Amino acid sequence: MTQPALAVAEPPGRIKAETQPALLAVNSIEVIYDHVILVLKGVSLSVPRGGIVGLLGANGAGKTTTLKAVSNLLHAERGDVTKGSIEFEGERIQHLTPNDLVRRGVIQVMEGRHCFEHLTVEENLLTGAYTRQDGAAAIQQDLEMVYGYFPRLKERRGSQAGYTSGGEQQMTAIGRALMSRPKLILLDEPSMGLAPQLVEQIFEIVKRINEEEGVSILLAEQNTNVALRYTTYGYIMENGRVVMDGDAQALRENEDVKEFYLGISAAGRRSYRNVKHYKRRKRWLG
């Protein structure tokens, strides 16, 4: 069961995620694979319009499955939402196809920087506009907008995506999503396999996109330390459940989160591998 949000004083001007109108509302969903394997157990979360919300936790916690439940990509993996509901802009969306959702403004950037390797960087970006019907001029304008956020992609626009670096492929994947004119981007593990300096650069660009384009973002990320610096609200998942949620600043200051996710205890920085009796000591699992 989800624990109550952490009670902390809010800085001036900051509004907690729960008090803003929800663009996305996930309500107590359960997900089953192959009709027998229960993967998600009563997961609830919300993303406010214009917000960046983090879905945090270790590998295998259920973050990617949650994103795929929202984007309706589970069926390709023999998964189904068997309980609960998912609403976008107040309407249930479980019956919609992924294409329908892209047209509604929901798009997922998959884990692992999936690009069309045989296409150029620019051709990859243009595939993101395949559902649009607002004309070539508008698409070209948005292409230049993407190049404004990712100047490196403009330099590499004619290169085959399969021969670009991991960072360039991640930029291409995010830029392609931006070309669909989304209202909500589901961003899955953007830091995976990237150098720390490049991770910071990509998160800074994601923050700019959120602030300047008004795109809401649900971010699934193992790198809790980085994610909590760029999100406004966070949900921590373990074993298919949300075990804690709260304002990002409050989560950063929480002793359990410091010790078990940021590697810092009252005695100073500790190695995750050296924390004994990990699950038994977590108060939210008691």
C-alpha atoms as a PDB file:
ATOM      1  CA  MET A   1       0.000   0.000   0.000  1.00  0.00           C
ATOM      2  CA  THR A   2       1.288   3.470  -0.849  1.00  0.00           C
ATOM      3  CA  GLN A   3       2.461   5.370   2.200  1.00  0.00           C
ATOM      4  CA  PRO A   4       1.102   8.889   2.807  1.00  0.00           C
ATOM      5  CA  ALA A   5       3.052  11.643   1.102  1.00  0.00           C
ATOM      6  CA  LEU A   6       5.795  13.071   3.276  1.00  0.00           C
ATOM      7  CA  ALA A   7       4.625  16.070   5.274  1.00  0.00           C
ATOM      8  CA  VAL A   8       7.045  18.934   4.750  1.00  0.00           C
ATOM      9  CA  ALA A   9       6.787  22.680   4.460  1.00  0.00           C
ATOM     10  CA  GLU A  10       6.549  23.771   0.843  1.00  0.00           C
ATOM     11  CA  PRO A  11       8.928  26.450  -0.488  1.00  0.00           C
ATOM     12  CA  PRO A  12       7.167  29.619  -1.679  1.00  0.00           C
ATOM     13  CA  GLY A  13       5.646  29.182  -5.107  1.00  0.00           C
ATOM     14  CA  ARG A  14       5.892  25.376  -5.185  1.00  0.00           C
ATOM     15  CA  ILE A  15       2.677  23.385  -5.546  1.00  0.00           C
ATOM     16  CA  LYS A  16       2.668  19.706  -4.715  1.00  0.00           C
ATOM     17  CA  ALA A  17       1.794  17.273  -7.474  1.00  0.00           C
ATOM     18  CA  GLU A  18      -1.393  16.107  -5.767  1.00  0.00           C
ATOM     19  CA  THR A  19      -2.927  19.610  -5.653  1.00  0.00           C
ATOM     20  CA  GLN A  20      -2.469  20.353  -9.355  1.00  0.00           C
ATOM     21  CA  PRO A  21      -4.977  19.149 -11.954  1.00  0.00           C
ATOM     22  CA  ALA A  22      -3.859  15.666 -13.006  1.00  0.00           C
ATOM     23  CA  LEU A  23      -2.973  15.299 -16.667  1.00  0.00           C
ATOM     24  CA  LEU A  24      -2.372  11.583 -16.074  1.00  0.00           C
ATOM     25  CA  ALA A  25      -3.985   9.545 -13.299  1.00  0.00           C
ATOM     26  CA  VAL A  26      -3.078   5.900 -12.716  1.00  0.00           C
ATOM     27  CA  ASN A  27      -5.528   4.382 -10.251  1.00  0.00           C
ATOM     28  CA  SER A  28      -4.698   1.131  -8.418  1.00  0.00           C
ATOM     29  CA  ILE A  29      -3.695  -0.836 -11.495  1.00  0.00           C
ATOM     30  CA  GLU A  30      -2.610  -4.446 -11.554  1.00  0.00           C
ATOM     31  CA  VAL A  31      -0.684  -5.916 -14.482  1.00  0.00           C
ATOM     32  CA  ILE A  32      -0.424  -9.614 -15.280  1.00  0.00           C
ATOM     33  CA  TYR A  33       1.855 -11.230 -17.872  1.00  0.00           C
ATOM     34  CA  ASP A  34       0.915 -14.485 -19.613  1.00  0.00           C
ATOM     35  CA  HIS A  35      -2.332 -14.568 -17.579  1.00  0.00           C
ATOM     36  CA  VAL A  36      -0.489 -15.773 -14.469  1.00  0.00           C
ATOM     37  CA  ILE A  37       2.468 -13.538 -13.489  1.00  0.00           C
ATOM     38  CA  LEU A  38       1.428 -10.619 -11.309  1.00  0.00           C
ATOM     39  CA  VAL A  39       3.889  -7.784 -11.998  1.00  0.00           C
ATOM     40  CA  LEU A  40       2.186  -4.609 -10.741  1.00  0.00           C
ATOM     41  CA  LYS A  41       0.115  -4.634  -7.542  1.00  0.00           C
ATOM     42  CA  GLY A  42      -2.180  -1.680  -6.920  1.00  0.00           C
ATOM     43  CA  VAL A  43       0.012   1.045  -8.449  1.00  0.00           C
ATOM     44  CA  SER A  44      -1.351   4.585  -8.245  1.00  0.00           C
ATOM     45  CA  LEU A  45       0.300   7.818  -9.338  1.00  0.00           C
ATOM     46  CA  SER A  46      -0.496  11.123 -10.982  1.00  0.00           C
ATOM     47  CA  VAL A  47       1.288  13.585 -13.238  1.00  0.00           C
ATOM     48  CA  PRO A  48       0.151  17.215 -13.123  1.00  0.00           C
ATOM     49  CA  ARG A  49      -0.062  19.295 -16.260  1.00  0.00           C
ATOM     50  CA  GLY A  50       3.360  20.855 -16.790  1.00  0.00           C
ATOM     51  CA  GLY A  51       5.069  18.696 -14.147  1.00  0.00           C
ATOM     52  CA  ILE A  52       8.085  16.381 -14.105  1.00  0.00           C
ATOM     53  CA  VAL A  53       7.351  13.326 -11.978  1.00  0.00           C
ATOM     54  CA  GLY A  54       9.904  10.628 -11.165  1.00  0.00           C
ATOM     55  CA  LEU A  55       9.164   6.909 -11.018  1.00  0.00           C
ATOM     56  CA  LEU A  56      12.161   5.614  -9.100  1.00  0.00           C
ATOM     57  CA  GLY A  57      13.566   2.293  -7.976  1.00  0.00           C
ATOM     58  CA  ALA A  58      15.979  -0.495  -8.789  1.00  0.00           C
ATOM     59  CA  ASN A  59      15.987  -2.627 -11.911  1.00  0.00           C
ATOM     60  CA  GLY A  60      12.963  -4.949 -11.903  1.00  0.00           C
ATOM     61  CA  ALA A  61      10.877  -2.771  -9.578  1.00  0.00           C
ATOM     62  CA  GLY A  62       8.105  -2.333 -12.157  1.00  0.00           C
ATOM     63  CA  LYS A  63       8.909   1.105 -13.566  1.00  0.00           C
ATOM     64  CA  THR A  64       9.043   0.130 -17.237  1.00  0.00           C
ATOM     65  CA  THR A  65       5.900  -1.994 -16.913  1.00  0.00           C
ATOM     66  CA  THR A  66       4.078   1.004 -15.449  1.00  0.00           C
ATOM     67  CA  LEU A  67       5.089   3.187 -18.404  1.00  0.00           C
ATOM     68  CA  LYS A  68       4.055   0.503 -20.886  1.00  0.00           C
ATOM     69  CA  ALA A  69       0.704   0.171 -19.124  1.00  0.00           C
ATOM     70  CA  VAL A  70       0.135   3.889 -19.730  1.00  0.00           C
ATOM     71  CA  SER A  71       1.295   3.796 -23.368  1.00  0.00           C
ATOM     72  CA  ASN A  72      -0.610   0.548 -24.072  1.00  0.00           C
ATOM     73  CA  LEU A  73       2.517  -1.309 -25.196  1.00  0.00           C
ATOM     74  CA  LEU A  74       1.923  -4.262 -22.857  1.00  0.00           C
ATOM     75  CA  HIS A  75      -0.001  -6.384 -25.354  1.00  0.00           C
ATOM     76  CA  ALA A  76       3.114  -6.874 -27.482  1.00  0.00           C
ATOM     77  CA  GLU A  77       4.621  -8.635 -24.454  1.00  0.00           C
ATOM     78  CA  ARG A  78       1.493 -10.609 -23.491  1.00  0.00           C
ATOM     79  CA  GLY A  79       0.724  -8.270 -20.629  1.00  0.00           C
ATOM     80  CA  ASP A  80      -2.640  -6.856 -19.544  1.00  0.00           C
ATOM     81  CA  VAL A  81      -3.982  -4.305 -17.085  1.00  0.00           C
ATOM     82  CA  THR A  82      -6.445  -6.477 -15.178  1.00  0.00           C
ATOM     83  CA  LYS A  83      -7.567  -4.070 -12.448  1.00  0.00           C
ATOM     84  CA  GLY A  84      -7.759  -0.326 -11.918  1.00  0.00           C
ATOM     85  CA  SER A  85      -7.899   2.472 -14.462  1.00  0.00           C
ATOM     86  CA  ILE A  86      -5.639   4.859 -16.371  1.00  0.00           C
ATOM     87  CA  GLU A  87      -6.946   8.310 -17.260  1.00  0.00           C
ATOM     88  CA  PHE A  88      -5.453  11.010 -19.463  1.00  0.00           C
ATOM     89  CA  GLU A  89      -7.086  14.429 -19.403  1.00  0.00           C
ATOM     90  CA  GLY A  90      -9.959  12.892 -17.463  1.00  0.00           C
ATOM     91  CA  GLU A  91     -10.713  10.102 -19.966  1.00  0.00           C
ATOM     92  CA  ARG A  92      -9.909   6.407 -19.637  1.00  0.00           C
ATOM     93  CA  ILE A  93      -7.346   5.380 -22.223  1.00  0.00           C
ATOM     94  CA  GLN A  94      -6.887   1.631 -21.733  1.00  0.00           C
ATOM     95  CA  HIS A  95      -8.901   0.866 -24.878  1.00  0.00           C
ATOM     96  CA  LEU A  96      -6.785   3.096 -27.134  1.00  0.00           C
ATOM     97  CA  THR A  97      -3.996   1.843 -29.387  1.00  0.00           C
ATOM     98  CA  PRO A  98      -0.477   3.265 -29.059  1.00  0.00           C
ATOM     99  CA  ASN A  99      -1.096   5.203 -32.293  1.00  0.00           C
ATOM    100  CA  ASP A 100      -4.281   6.695 -30.849  1.00  0.00           C
ATOM    101  CA  LEU A 101      -2.357   7.725 -27.746  1.00  0.00           C
ATOM    102  CA  VAL A 102       0.331   9.458 -29.787  1.00  0.00           C
ATOM    103  CA  ARG A 103      -2.400  11.431 -31.529  1.00  0.00           C
ATOM    104  CA  ARG A 104      -3.838  12.322 -28.116  1.00  0.00           C
ATOM    105  CA  GLY A 105      -0.404  13.550 -27.006  1.00  0.00           C
ATOM    106  CA  VAL A 106       1.091  10.599 -25.067  1.00  0.00           C
ATOM    107  CA  ILE A 107       4.357   9.113 -26.307  1.00  0.00           C
ATOM    108  CA  GLN A 108       6.966   6.846 -24.752  1.00  0.00           C
ATOM    109  CA  VAL A 109      10.732   7.085 -25.195  1.00  0.00           C
ATOM    110  CA  MET A 110      11.782   3.489 -24.759  1.00  0.00           C
ATOM    111  CA  GLU A 111      14.601   2.257 -22.567  1.00  0.00           C
ATOM    112  CA  GLY A 112      17.767   1.531 -24.555  1.00  0.00           C
ATOM    113  CA  ARG A 113      17.699   4.436 -27.042  1.00  0.00           C
ATOM    114  CA  HIS A 114      15.707   2.667 -29.759  1.00  0.00           C
ATOM    115  CA  CYS A 115      16.427   4.296 -33.119  1.00  0.00           C
ATOM    116  CA  PHE A 116      16.036   3.150 -36.717  1.00  0.00           C
ATOM    117  CA  GLU A 117      19.691   2.357 -37.238  1.00  0.00           C
ATOM    118  CA  HIS A 118      19.582   2.354 -41.046  1.00  0.00           C
ATOM    119  CA  LEU A 119      17.963   5.808 -41.215  1.00  0.00           C
ATOM    120  CA  THR A 120      19.768   9.099 -40.760  1.00  0.00           C
ATOM    121  CA  VAL A 121      19.364  11.151 -37.615  1.00  0.00           C
ATOM    122  CA  GLU A 122      17.041  13.567 -39.415  1.00  0.00           C
ATOM    123  CA  GLU A 123      14.971  10.774 -40.923  1.00  0.00           C
ATOM    124  CA  ASN A 124      14.581   9.322 -37.424  1.00  0.00           C
ATOM    125  CA  LEU A 125      13.362  12.670 -36.136  1.00  0.00           C
ATOM    126  CA  LEU A 126      10.865  13.023 -38.974  1.00  0.00           C
ATOM    127  CA  THR A 127       9.342   9.623 -38.184  1.00  0.00           C
ATOM    128  CA  GLY A 128       8.139  11.202 -34.946  1.00  0.00           C
ATOM    129  CA  ALA A 129       5.805  13.431 -36.954  1.00  0.00           C
ATOM    130  CA  TYR A 130       4.051  10.604 -38.802  1.00  0.00           C
ATOM    131  CA  THR A 131       0.707  11.145 -37.048  1.00  0.00           C
ATOM    132  CA  ARG A 132       0.640  14.885 -37.687  1.00  0.00           C
ATOM    133  CA  GLN A 133      -1.539  16.538 -40.303  1.00  0.00           C
ATOM    134  CA  ASP A 134      -0.548  20.181 -39.871  1.00  0.00           C
ATOM    135  CA  GLY A 135       1.654  20.444 -42.950  1.00  0.00           C
ATOM    136  CA  ALA A 136       5.309  20.389 -43.928  1.00  0.00           C
ATOM    137  CA  ALA A 137       6.012  23.953 -42.789  1.00  0.00           C
ATOM    138  CA  ALA A 138       4.936  23.234 -39.197  1.00  0.00           C
ATOM    139  CA  ILE A 139       6.953  20.021 -39.145  1.00  0.00           C
ATOM    140  CA  GLN A 140      10.038  21.831 -40.452  1.00  0.00           C
ATOM    141  CA  GLN A 141       9.599  24.489 -37.767  1.00  0.00           C
ATOM    142  CA  ASP A 142       9.508  21.826 -35.072  1.00  0.00           C
ATOM    143  CA  LEU A 143      12.541  20.113 -36.585  1.00  0.00           C
ATOM    144  CA  GLU A 144      14.484  23.346 -36.134  1.00  0.00           C
ATOM    145  CA  MET A 145      13.114  23.556 -32.584  1.00  0.00           C
ATOM    146  CA  VAL A 146      14.537  20.092 -31.862  1.00  0.00           C
ATOM    147  CA  TYR A 147      17.880  21.119 -33.336  1.00  0.00           C
ATOM    148  CA  GLY A 148      17.786  24.135 -31.041  1.00  0.00           C
ATOM    149  CA  TYR A 149      17.644  21.831 -28.013  1.00  0.00           C
ATOM    150  CA  PHE A 150      20.105  19.341 -29.482  1.00  0.00           C
ATOM    151  CA  PRO A 151      22.676  21.207 -31.609  1.00  0.00           C
ATOM    152  CA  ARG A 152      24.750  18.045 -31.871  1.00  0.00           C
ATOM    153  CA  LEU A 153      21.923  16.396 -33.808  1.00  0.00           C
ATOM    154  CA  LYS A 154      21.982  19.171 -36.378  1.00  0.00           C
ATOM    155  CA  GLU A 155      25.675  18.497 -36.917  1.00  0.00           C
ATOM    156  CA  ARG A 156      24.950  14.790 -37.320  1.00  0.00           C
ATOM    157  CA  ARG A 157      21.659  15.120 -39.211  1.00  0.00           C
ATOM    158  CA  GLY A 158      22.923  13.228 -42.265  1.00  0.00           C
ATOM    159  CA  SER A 159      24.647  10.412 -40.342  1.00  0.00           C
ATOM    160  CA  GLN A 160      23.135   6.968 -40.006  1.00  0.00           C
ATOM    161  CA  ALA A 161      21.720   6.692 -36.493  1.00  0.00           C
ATOM    162  CA  GLY A 162      23.346   3.299 -35.981  1.00  0.00           C
ATOM    163  CA  TYR A 163      26.777   4.888 -36.276  1.00  0.00           C
ATOM    164  CA  THR A 164      26.186   7.679 -33.761  1.00  0.00           C
ATOM    165  CA  SER A 165      27.174   7.605 -30.089  1.00  0.00           C
ATOM    166  CA  GLY A 166      24.922   6.431 -27.259  1.00  0.00           C
ATOM    167  CA  GLY A 167      24.337  10.020 -26.170  1.00  0.00           C
ATOM    168  CA  GLU A 168      23.429  11.095 -29.699  1.00  0.00           C
ATOM    169  CA  GLN A 169      21.017   8.183 -30.005  1.00  0.00           C
ATOM    170  CA  GLN A 170      19.357   9.168 -26.720  1.00  0.00           C
ATOM    171  CA  MET A 171      19.019  12.737 -27.985  1.00  0.00           C
ATOM    172  CA  THR A 172      17.552  11.407 -31.228  1.00  0.00           C
ATOM    173  CA  ALA A 173      14.987   9.324 -29.347  1.00  0.00           C
ATOM    174  CA  ILE A 174      13.885  12.292 -27.235  1.00  0.00           C
ATOM    175  CA  GLY A 175      13.861  14.608 -30.250  1.00  0.00           C
ATOM    176  CA  ARG A 176      11.752  12.134 -32.220  1.00  0.00           C
ATOM    177  CA  ALA A 177       9.205  12.091 -29.393  1.00  0.00           C
ATOM    178  CA  LEU A 178       9.178  15.889 -29.349  1.00  0.00           C
ATOM    179  CA  MET A 179       8.349  15.923 -33.065  1.00  0.00           C
ATOM    180  CA  SER A 180       4.966  14.361 -32.284  1.00  0.00           C
ATOM    181  CA  ARG A 181       3.916  17.519 -30.415  1.00  0.00           C
ATOM    182  CA  PRO A 182       3.324  15.596 -27.166  1.00  0.00           C
ATOM    183  CA  LYS A 183       1.532  16.731 -24.052  1.00  0.00           C
ATOM    184  CA  LEU A 184       3.119  13.921 -21.999  1.00  0.00           C
ATOM    185  CA  ILE A 185       6.419  12.107 -22.564  1.00  0.00           C
ATOM    186  CA  LEU A 186       7.011   8.790 -20.807  1.00  0.00           C
ATOM    187  CA  LEU A 187      10.800   8.757 -20.519  1.00  0.00           C
ATOM    188  CA  ASP A 188      12.325   5.393 -19.616  1.00  0.00           C
ATOM    189  CA  GLU A 189      15.852   5.247 -18.111  1.00  0.00           C
ATOM    190  CA  PRO A 190      17.451   8.118 -20.072  1.00  0.00           C
ATOM    191  CA  SER A 191      20.703   7.811 -18.094  1.00  0.00           C
ATOM    192  CA  MET A 192      21.310   4.143 -18.930  1.00  0.00           C
ATOM    193  CA  GLY A 193      24.817   3.514 -20.225  1.00  0.00           C
ATOM    194  CA  LEU A 194      25.779   7.177 -20.469  1.00  0.00           C
ATOM    195  CA  ALA A 195      28.692   9.024 -18.883  1.00  0.00           C
ATOM    196  CA  PRO A 196      27.731  11.193 -15.856  1.00  0.00           C
ATOM    197  CA  GLN A 197      28.504  14.449 -17.659  1.00  0.00           C
ATOM    198  CA  LEU A 198      26.277  13.481 -20.573  1.00  0.00           C
ATOM    199  CA  VAL A 199      23.516  12.395 -18.182  1.00  0.00           C
ATOM    200  CA  GLU A 200      23.505  15.866 -16.616  1.00  0.00           C
ATOM    201  CA  GLN A 201      23.391  17.462 -20.072  1.00  0.00           C
ATOM    202  CA  ILE A 202      20.395  15.395 -21.165  1.00  0.00           C
ATOM    203  CA  PHE A 203      18.508  16.021 -17.921  1.00  0.00           C
ATOM    204  CA  GLU A 204      19.111  19.760 -18.290  1.00  0.00           C
ATOM    205  CA  ILE A 205      17.653  19.643 -21.799  1.00  0.00           C
ATOM    206  CA  VAL A 206      14.661  17.622 -20.596  1.00  0.00           C
ATOM    207  CA  LYS A 207      14.058  20.261 -17.931  1.00  0.00           C
ATOM    208  CA  ARG A 208      14.215  23.017 -20.550  1.00  0.00           C
ATOM    209  CA  ILE A 209      11.744  21.168 -22.769  1.00  0.00           C
ATOM    210  CA  ASN A 210       9.391  20.878 -19.813  1.00  0.00           C
ATOM    211  CA  GLU A 211       9.662  24.564 -18.919  1.00  0.00           C
ATOM    212  CA  GLU A 212       9.745  26.078 -22.410  1.00  0.00           C
ATOM    213  CA  GLU A 213       7.405  23.766 -24.335  1.00  0.00           C
ATOM    214  CA  GLY A 214       5.046  22.912 -21.461  1.00  0.00           C
ATOM    215  CA  VAL A 215       5.495  19.166 -21.985  1.00  0.00           C
ATOM    216  CA  SER A 216       4.724  17.061 -18.916  1.00  0.00           C
ATOM    217  CA  ILE A 217       7.126  14.205 -18.200  1.00  0.00           C
ATOM    218  CA  LEU A 218       6.851  10.905 -16.324  1.00  0.00           C
ATOM    219  CA  LEU A 219      10.436   9.783 -15.844  1.00  0.00           C
ATOM    220  CA  ALA A 220      11.384   6.207 -14.923  1.00  0.00           C
ATOM    221  CA  GLU A 221      14.928   6.185 -13.584  1.00  0.00           C
ATOM    222  CA  GLN A 222      17.291   4.033 -11.509  1.00  0.00           C
ATOM    223  CA  ASN A 223      19.632   6.963 -10.906  1.00  0.00           C
ATOM    224  CA  THR A 224      17.636   8.342  -7.981  1.00  0.00           C
ATOM    225  CA  ASN A 225      20.257  10.925  -7.081  1.00  0.00           C
ATOM    226  CA  VAL A 226      20.025  12.672 -10.458  1.00  0.00           C
ATOM    227  CA  ALA A 227      16.276  12.160 -10.908  1.00  0.00           C
ATOM    228  CA  LEU A 228      15.344  13.801  -7.603  1.00  0.00           C
ATOM    229  CA  ARG A 229      17.247  16.934  -8.609  1.00  0.00           C
ATOM    230  CA  TYR A 230      15.213  17.394 -11.784  1.00  0.00           C
ATOM    231  CA  THR A 231      11.755  16.188 -10.763  1.00  0.00           C
ATOM    232  CA  THR A 232       9.235  17.959  -8.565  1.00  0.00           C
ATOM    233  CA  TYR A 233       7.580  14.833  -7.180  1.00  0.00           C
ATOM    234  CA  GLY A 234       8.629  11.206  -6.916  1.00  0.00           C
ATOM    235  CA  TYR A 235       7.238   7.709  -6.483  1.00  0.00           C
ATOM    236  CA  ILE A 236       9.558   4.932  -5.283  1.00  0.00           C
ATOM    237  CA  MET A 237       8.718   1.428  -6.512  1.00  0.00           C
ATOM    238  CA  GLU A 238       9.762  -1.975  -5.221  1.00  0.00           C
ATOM    239  CA  ASN A 239       8.502  -5.387  -6.276  1.00  0.00           C
ATOM    240  CA  GLY A 240       5.677  -3.966  -8.360  1.00  0.00           C
ATOM    241  CA  ARG A 241       4.360  -1.594  -5.686  1.00  0.00           C
ATOM    242  CA  VAL A 242       4.716   2.077  -4.860  1.00  0.00           C
ATOM    243  CA  VAL A 243       6.286   2.011  -1.400  1.00  0.00           C
ATOM    244  CA  MET A 244       6.841   5.739  -0.859  1.00  0.00           C
ATOM    245  CA  ASP A 245       5.971   8.999  -2.578  1.00  0.00           C
ATOM    246  CA  GLY A 246       6.448  12.674  -1.881  1.00  0.00           C
ATOM    247  CA  ASP A 247       7.833  15.996  -2.962  1.00  0.00           C
ATOM    248  CA  ALA A 248      11.287  15.491  -4.517  1.00  0.00           C
ATOM    249  CA  GLN A 249      12.985  17.706  -1.956  1.00  0.00           C
ATOM    250  CA  ALA A 250      11.378  15.779   0.906  1.00  0.00           C
ATOM    251  CA  LEU A 251      12.487  12.469  -0.616  1.00  0.00           C
ATOM    252  CA  ARG A 252      16.047  13.755  -0.927  1.00  0.00           C
ATOM    253  CA  GLU A 253      16.021  14.600   2.774  1.00  0.00           C
ATOM    254  CA  ASN A 254      14.359  11.371   3.951  1.00  0.00           C
ATOM    255  CA  GLU A 255      16.795   9.187   5.904  1.00  0.00           C
ATOM    256  CA  ASP A 256      15.598   5.912   4.378  1.00  0.00           C
ATOM    257  CA  VAL A 257      15.896   7.281   0.843  1.00  0.00           C
ATOM    258  CA  LYS A 258      19.337   8.691   1.624  1.00  0.00           C
ATOM    259  CA  GLU A 259      20.595   5.371   2.914  1.00  0.00           C
ATOM    260  CA  PHE A 260      18.990   2.906   0.547  1.00  0.00           C
ATOM    261  CA  TYR A 261      18.866   4.902  -2.708  1.00  0.00           C
ATOM    262  CA  LEU A 262      21.414   7.696  -2.460  1.00  0.00           C
ATOM    263  CA  GLY A 263      24.066   5.704  -0.567  1.00  0.00           C
ATOM    264  CA  ILE A 264      24.264   8.199   2.311  1.00  0.00           C
ATOM    265  CA  SER A 265      23.567   7.441   5.968  1.00  0.00           C
ATOM    266  CA  ALA A 266      23.847   9.485   9.136  1.00  0.00           C
ATOM    267  CA  ALA A 267      27.393   8.154   9.412  1.00  0.00           C
ATOM    268  CA  GLY A 268      28.252   9.333   5.896  1.00  0.00           C
ATOM    269  CA  ARG A 269      28.296   7.767   2.441  1.00  0.00           C
ATOM    270  CA  ARG A 270      27.874   3.987   2.363  1.00  0.00           C
ATOM    271  CA  SER A 271      28.061   1.389  -0.325  1.00  0.00           C
ATOM    272  CA  TYR A 272      24.720  -0.111  -1.352  1.00  0.00           C
ATOM    273  CA  ARG A 273      26.330  -3.561  -1.347  1.00  0.00           C
ATOM    274  CA  ASN A 274      27.408  -3.167   2.270  1.00  0.00           C
ATOM    275  CA  VAL A 275      23.953  -2.398   3.630  1.00  0.00           C
ATOM    276  CA  LYS A 276      22.960  -5.544   5.563  1.00  0.00           C
ATOM    277  CA  HIS A 277      19.437  -6.813   6.037  1.00  0.00           C
ATOM    278  CA  TYR A 278      18.326  -4.294   3.421  1.00  0.00           C
ATOM    279  CA  LYS A 279      14.640  -5.120   3.145  1.00  0.00           C
ATOM    280  CA  ARG A 280      14.158  -5.878   6.825  1.00  0.00           C
ATOM    281  CA  ARG A 281      15.418  -2.456   7.883  1.00  0.00           C
ATOM    282  CA  LYS A 282      13.236  -0.403   5.573  1.00  0.00           C
ATOM    283  CA  ARG A 283      10.474   1.112   7.628  1.00  0.00           C
ATOM    284  CA  TRP A 284       8.008   1.171   4.753  1.00  0.00           C
ATOM    285  CA  LEU A 285       8.251  -2.585   4.383  1.00  0.00           C
ATOM    286  CA  GLY A 286       7.782  -3.278   8.076  1.00  0.00           C
END
